Amino acid sequence: MQLRASLADRPPYRKFLIIVGLTLIGAVLFTALGTILAKILYGIDLSGDPALLNSEGNPSLAAAFRLFQALAAVGTFVLPAFAAAYLFSEHEKTYLGLKVRPGAGALITVLLMLVAGIPFINWMMQLNSGMHLPAGLKSLEDWMLATEEQAGKITRLILGGDGFGDLLINLLVIAVIPAIGEELLFRGVIQKQFSELAQSRGAAVVLTAFLFSALHMQFFGFLPRFVLGIFLGYLYLWSGSLWLPIAAHFINNAGAVLLSWLASRRLIALNPDTIGTEAGQEKMLAASVFLTWMGLWLLRRQFKKT
């Protein structure tokens, strides 16, 4: 039986359910594999004692979580995206938008936008952290806070090393693999299905961004991640190249890894998470918003010409 493009004629809602199934299978298999390998290689049972997360600074624990995160990302995002493209199209790379290469001008504009947008992103993060659910949903909010705290502990564990080797590994685990995997699945596959379902490319961008932010399970960072998802979605929609949102996603994540590494070596004194949110920085925030929108206008204008 020919499997390639065998499901190409299925309606979009069935394709979406197939994507969900592939993602769940990949997530279960590769998180299990990550747990097993962490036990074999490092003698650490990641499915056991939750108090493990309190052992920040433990190099073996950090290595185990890095391995687990990398395998989970490959199984949850990368493989399901390629499997879906294989089942839905005879030309996987074309289907995923990997055939079109973005120009240097677009890449430079995206880089400058992400740097200029740091105060705006921090402001959204601060706004998001001040939001609270109604009193009747306090138990849900407490669970969200606990989930956020656990995710923060894992992130601090992974980013704990200050050696150059730690920096390279963290760039791979936190920047390279998630940027490729998440963009392949969300923008390369899911956004297409939402576009067909909603009969609107703009609605597909927003729906995909909502799902992208929600599935990170970090609720007090939902708003900035949702806005980032919309930005990545329009980069793909305008350019037709998945490499552009992959590059933007990588720059965003790699910047956070690099700044954390520099701070751990005491090479920078500023706190990048508060730029644009402190008293007296209102003009900086306004400039950040203006430059971000100007960058969007320039990108849109460039892609309309091409």
Protein backbone atom coordinates (compact mmCIF):
# COMPACT_ATOMS: atom_id res chain seq x y z
CA MET A 1 0.00 0.00 0.00
CA GLN A 2 1.30 3.45 -0.95
CA LEU A 3 1.42 5.55 2.22
CA ARG A 4 2.82 8.77 0.75
CA ALA A 5 -0.04 11.23 0.17
CA SER A 6 -2.53 8.46 1.01
CA LEU A 7 -4.54 10.84 3.23
CA ALA A 8 -4.25 13.92 1.02
CA ASP A 9 -7.95 13.91 0.12
CA ARG A 10 -9.22 13.70 3.70
CA PRO A 11 -11.25 16.68 4.95
CA PRO A 12 -9.32 19.16 7.12
CA TYR A 13 -11.02 18.19 10.39
CA ARG A 14 -9.94 14.56 9.89
CA LYS A 15 -6.43 15.66 9.05
CA PHE A 16 -6.39 17.69 12.25
CA LEU A 17 -7.46 14.65 14.28
CA ILE A 18 -4.73 12.60 12.57
CA ILE A 19 -2.18 15.28 13.55
CA VAL A 20 -3.40 15.14 17.16
CA GLY A 21 -3.08 11.36 17.15
CA LEU A 22 0.44 11.43 15.69
CA THR A 23 1.47 14.06 18.23
CA LEU A 24 0.11 12.11 21.20
CA ILE A 25 1.78 8.89 20.05
CA GLY A 26 5.11 10.62 19.51
CA ALA A 27 4.90 12.46 22.84
CA VAL A 28 4.14 9.30 24.84
CA LEU A 29 6.81 7.19 23.15
CA PHE A 30 9.61 9.74 23.31
CA THR A 31 8.92 11.00 26.83
CA ALA A 32 9.01 7.35 27.93
CA LEU A 33 12.27 6.91 26.01
CA GLY A 34 13.71 10.03 27.64
CA THR A 35 12.74 8.78 31.10
CA ILE A 36 14.32 5.38 30.46
CA LEU A 37 17.57 6.83 29.07
CA ALA A 38 17.84 9.30 31.96
CA LYS A 39 17.63 6.35 34.37
CA ILE A 40 20.18 4.28 32.43
CA LEU A 41 22.71 7.04 31.69
CA TYR A 42 22.44 9.19 34.81
CA GLY A 43 20.73 6.97 37.38
CA ILE A 44 17.94 9.54 37.78
CA ASP A 45 14.27 8.60 37.80
CA LEU A 46 12.51 11.66 36.36
CA SER A 47 9.11 10.08 36.93
CA GLY A 48 9.76 9.56 40.63
CA ASP A 49 10.39 12.00 43.47
CA PRO A 50 9.15 15.58 42.68
CA ALA A 51 11.72 16.86 45.20
CA LEU A 52 14.35 16.27 42.50
CA LEU A 53 13.49 19.69 41.14
CA ASN A 54 14.83 21.28 44.31
CA SER A 55 18.34 20.03 43.50
CA GLU A 56 19.29 23.00 41.33
CA GLY A 57 22.95 23.02 40.36
CA ASN A 58 23.18 19.21 40.08
CA PRO A 59 24.98 18.64 36.73
CA SER A 60 23.68 15.08 36.33
CA LEU A 61 20.10 16.17 36.95
CA ALA A 62 20.50 19.05 34.49
CA ALA A 63 21.91 16.67 31.87
CA ALA A 64 19.04 14.24 32.43
CA PHE A 65 16.45 16.97 31.94
CA ARG A 66 18.24 18.24 28.83
CA LEU A 67 18.13 14.76 27.31
CA PHE A 68 14.49 14.36 28.30
CA GLN A 69 13.51 17.76 26.86
CA ALA A 70 15.34 17.15 23.58
CA LEU A 71 13.76 13.73 23.01
CA ALA A 72 10.30 14.96 24.03
CA ALA A 73 10.54 17.84 21.53
CA VAL A 74 11.65 15.53 18.70
CA GLY A 75 8.85 13.05 19.43
CA THR A 76 6.13 15.62 20.01
CA PHE A 77 6.88 18.10 17.23
CA VAL A 78 9.47 17.07 14.64
CA LEU A 79 8.47 13.50 13.80
CA PRO A 80 4.66 14.06 13.81
CA ALA A 81 5.09 17.05 11.48
CA PHE A 82 7.13 15.08 8.95
CA ALA A 83 4.79 12.08 9.29
CA ALA A 84 1.76 14.30 8.61
CA ALA A 85 3.46 15.93 5.61
CA TYR A 86 4.32 12.47 4.26
CA LEU A 87 0.70 11.31 4.60
CA PHE A 88 -0.84 14.52 3.24
CA SER A 89 1.45 15.33 0.32
CA GLU A 90 3.76 13.80 -2.28
CA HIS A 91 6.29 16.57 -1.66
CA GLU A 92 6.91 16.92 2.08
CA LYS A 93 9.38 19.80 1.92
CA THR A 94 7.11 21.84 -0.34
CA TYR A 95 4.10 21.07 1.88
CA LEU A 96 5.99 22.27 4.98
CA GLY A 97 7.33 25.40 3.30
CA LEU A 98 10.95 24.27 3.45
CA LYS A 99 11.67 24.78 -0.25
CA VAL A 100 11.48 28.58 -0.12
CA ARG A 101 14.46 30.38 1.40
CA PRO A 102 14.00 33.85 2.93
CA GLY A 103 16.20 36.72 1.83
CA ALA A 104 18.92 38.23 3.99
CA GLY A 105 16.95 41.48 4.29
CA ALA A 106 13.98 39.71 5.88
CA LEU A 107 16.23 37.85 8.32
CA ILE A 108 17.99 41.05 9.38
CA THR A 109 14.66 42.86 9.82
CA VAL A 110 13.32 40.03 12.00
CA LEU A 111 16.48 40.04 14.13
CA LEU A 112 16.28 43.81 14.68
CA MET A 113 12.55 43.57 15.45
CA LEU A 114 13.08 40.92 18.13
CA VAL A 115 15.83 42.97 19.78
CA ALA A 116 13.81 46.18 19.61
CA GLY A 117 10.72 44.36 20.88
CA ILE A 118 12.26 43.23 24.19
CA PRO A 119 10.70 46.08 26.25
CA PHE A 120 7.30 45.44 24.61
CA ILE A 121 7.54 41.70 25.37
CA ASN A 122 8.54 42.41 28.98
CA TRP A 123 5.60 44.79 29.35
CA MET A 124 3.20 42.10 28.10
CA MET A 125 4.77 39.60 30.49
CA GLN A 126 4.25 42.00 33.39
CA LEU A 127 0.67 42.64 32.31
CA ASN A 128 0.00 38.91 32.02
CA SER A 129 1.47 38.17 35.47
CA GLY A 130 -0.93 40.66 37.06
CA MET A 131 -4.02 38.96 35.66
CA HIS A 132 -6.11 36.81 38.00
CA LEU A 133 -9.03 34.45 37.55
CA PRO A 134 -12.37 35.05 39.29
CA ALA A 135 -12.56 34.01 42.95
CA GLY A 136 -14.60 30.93 42.07
CA LEU A 137 -11.67 29.61 40.01
CA LYS A 138 -9.02 30.07 42.71
CA SER A 139 -8.22 26.34 42.80
CA LEU A 140 -7.55 26.44 39.05
CA GLU A 141 -5.33 29.50 39.46
CA ASP A 142 -3.40 27.78 42.26
CA TRP A 143 -2.81 24.79 39.97
CA MET A 144 -1.65 27.13 37.22
CA LEU A 145 0.77 28.81 39.61
CA ALA A 146 2.15 25.43 40.74
CA THR A 147 2.59 24.34 37.11
CA GLU A 148 4.36 27.60 36.29
CA GLU A 149 6.67 27.22 39.30
CA GLN A 150 7.57 23.65 38.31
CA ALA A 151 8.31 24.73 34.72
CA GLY A 152 10.51 27.52 36.10
CA LYS A 153 12.49 25.09 38.23
CA ILE A 154 13.11 22.83 35.24
CA THR A 155 14.24 25.79 33.15
CA ARG A 156 16.62 26.99 35.89
CA LEU A 157 18.04 23.47 36.18
CA ILE A 158 18.72 23.24 32.46
CA LEU A 159 20.24 26.73 32.32
CA GLY A 160 22.27 26.22 35.48
CA GLY A 161 25.72 25.55 33.97
CA ASP A 162 28.05 28.44 33.14
CA GLY A 163 30.58 26.58 30.97
CA PHE A 164 30.82 27.14 27.23
CA GLY A 165 29.78 23.53 26.65
CA ASP A 166 26.66 24.15 28.74
CA LEU A 167 25.84 27.13 26.53
CA LEU A 168 26.11 25.08 23.33
CA ILE A 169 24.00 22.22 24.70
CA ASN A 170 21.36 24.65 25.99
CA LEU A 171 21.22 26.39 22.61
CA LEU A 172 20.58 23.00 21.01
CA VAL A 173 17.94 21.89 23.54
CA ILE A 174 16.13 25.20 24.11
CA ALA A 175 16.67 27.08 20.84
CA VAL A 176 17.48 24.81 17.87
CA ILE A 177 15.22 21.79 18.44
CA PRO A 178 12.12 23.71 19.67
CA ALA A 179 12.44 26.32 16.91
CA ILE A 180 12.54 23.67 14.19
CA GLY A 181 10.06 21.26 15.78
CA GLU A 182 7.40 23.71 16.94
CA GLU A 183 7.40 25.64 13.68
CA LEU A 184 7.18 22.43 11.65
CA LEU A 185 4.11 21.31 13.60
CA PHE A 186 2.29 24.56 14.35
CA ARG A 187 3.01 26.74 11.33
CA GLY A 188 3.97 24.04 8.81
CA VAL A 189 1.06 21.66 9.46
CA ILE A 190 -1.61 22.90 11.90
CA GLN A 191 -1.92 26.41 10.46
CA LYS A 192 -2.75 24.86 7.07
CA GLN A 193 -5.58 22.79 8.55
CA PHE A 194 -7.02 25.74 10.46
CA SER A 195 -6.88 27.79 7.27
CA GLU A 196 -9.02 25.21 5.47
CA LEU A 197 -11.34 24.74 8.43
CA ALA A 198 -11.94 28.45 9.07
CA GLN A 199 -11.74 29.46 5.39
CA SER A 200 -9.60 32.37 6.58
CA ARG A 201 -5.82 32.59 6.66
CA GLY A 202 -5.87 35.36 9.28
CA ALA A 203 -8.14 33.34 11.58
CA ALA A 204 -5.83 30.34 11.08
CA VAL A 205 -2.85 32.41 12.26
CA VAL A 206 -4.69 33.48 15.43
CA LEU A 207 -6.09 30.01 16.20
CA THR A 208 -2.68 28.42 15.72
CA ALA A 209 -1.05 31.05 17.94
CA PHE A 210 -3.64 30.39 20.66
CA LEU A 211 -2.96 26.64 20.54
CA PHE A 212 0.80 27.27 20.39
CA SER A 213 0.70 29.36 23.57
CA ALA A 214 -1.78 27.18 25.45
CA LEU A 215 0.14 23.93 24.91
CA HIS A 216 3.26 25.39 26.53
CA MET A 217 1.36 25.09 29.84
CA GLN A 218 2.91 28.30 31.16
CA PHE A 219 -0.21 30.31 31.79
CA PHE A 220 1.36 33.48 33.14
CA GLY A 221 3.38 33.84 29.96
CA PHE A 222 0.38 33.14 27.74
CA LEU A 223 -0.09 36.67 26.36
CA PRO A 224 3.46 37.36 25.08
CA ARG A 225 3.72 33.83 23.68
CA PHE A 226 0.34 34.26 21.95
CA VAL A 227 1.52 37.52 20.36
CA LEU A 228 4.78 35.83 19.34
CA GLY A 229 2.75 33.03 17.76
CA ILE A 230 0.75 35.54 15.70
CA PHE A 231 4.01 37.16 14.57
CA LEU A 232 5.47 33.79 13.55
CA GLY A 233 2.26 32.83 11.78
CA TYR A 234 2.21 35.97 9.67
CA LEU A 235 5.89 35.58 8.84
CA TYR A 236 5.03 32.21 7.34
CA LEU A 237 1.85 33.47 5.68
CA TRP A 238 3.57 36.45 4.05
CA SER A 239 6.84 34.77 3.03
CA GLY A 240 5.70 31.23 2.19
CA SER A 241 8.93 30.05 3.82
CA LEU A 242 8.95 28.14 7.09
CA TRP A 243 12.63 29.01 7.51
CA LEU A 244 11.74 32.59 8.43
CA PRO A 245 9.57 31.75 11.49
CA ILE A 246 12.11 29.05 12.40
CA ALA A 247 14.86 31.69 12.37
CA ALA A 248 12.72 34.12 14.40
CA HIS A 249 11.82 31.41 16.93
CA PHE A 250 15.49 30.46 17.24
CA ILE A 251 16.60 34.07 17.74
CA ASN A 252 13.96 34.56 20.45
CA ASN A 253 14.92 31.43 22.40
CA ALA A 254 18.66 31.73 21.80
CA GLY A 255 18.62 35.30 23.09
CA ALA A 256 17.11 34.15 26.38
CA VAL A 257 19.69 31.34 26.68
CA LEU A 258 22.61 33.64 25.88
CA LEU A 259 21.51 36.37 28.30
CA SER A 260 21.04 33.79 31.07
CA TRP A 261 24.53 32.39 30.40
CA LEU A 262 26.11 35.86 30.42
CA ALA A 263 24.32 36.68 33.67
CA SER A 264 25.52 33.42 35.27
CA ARG A 265 29.12 34.42 34.44
CA ARG A 266 28.46 37.96 35.75
CA LEU A 267 29.30 39.44 32.34
CA ILE A 268 26.17 41.60 32.33
CA ALA A 269 24.66 43.52 35.23
CA LEU A 270 21.21 44.31 33.83
CA ASN A 271 18.14 42.14 34.21
CA PRO A 272 16.77 41.56 30.68
CA ASP A 273 13.35 40.63 32.09
CA THR A 274 12.72 44.15 33.41
CA ILE A 275 13.90 46.27 30.46
CA GLY A 276 11.11 48.66 29.54
CA THR A 277 8.99 47.97 32.62
CA GLU A 278 10.76 50.02 35.25
CA ALA A 279 9.86 53.57 36.28
CA GLY A 280 11.16 56.17 33.86
CA GLN A 281 11.36 53.75 30.91
CA GLU A 282 8.02 54.71 29.34
CA LYS A 283 9.71 56.30 26.31
CA MET A 284 11.75 53.14 25.79
CA LEU A 285 8.55 51.08 25.82
CA ALA A 286 6.86 53.45 23.37
CA ALA A 287 9.89 53.28 21.06
CA SER A 288 9.82 49.48 21.27
CA VAL A 289 6.16 49.35 20.21
CA PHE A 290 6.79 51.80 17.35
CA LEU A 291 9.84 49.94 16.05
CA THR A 292 8.04 46.60 16.25
CA TRP A 293 5.13 47.84 14.16
CA MET A 294 7.51 49.57 11.76
CA GLY A 295 9.32 46.27 11.27
CA LEU A 296 6.03 44.52 10.54
CA TRP A 297 5.15 47.20 7.98
CA LEU A 298 8.53 46.84 6.27
CA LEU A 299 8.24 43.05 6.14
CA ARG A 300 4.72 43.17 4.76
CA ARG A 301 5.77 45.70 2.14
CA GLN A 302 8.78 43.60 1.14
CA PHE A 303 6.76 40.41 0.75
CA LYS A 304 4.00 42.14 -1.22
CA LYS A 305 6.64 43.15 -3.78
CA THR A 306 7.97 39.60 -4.09
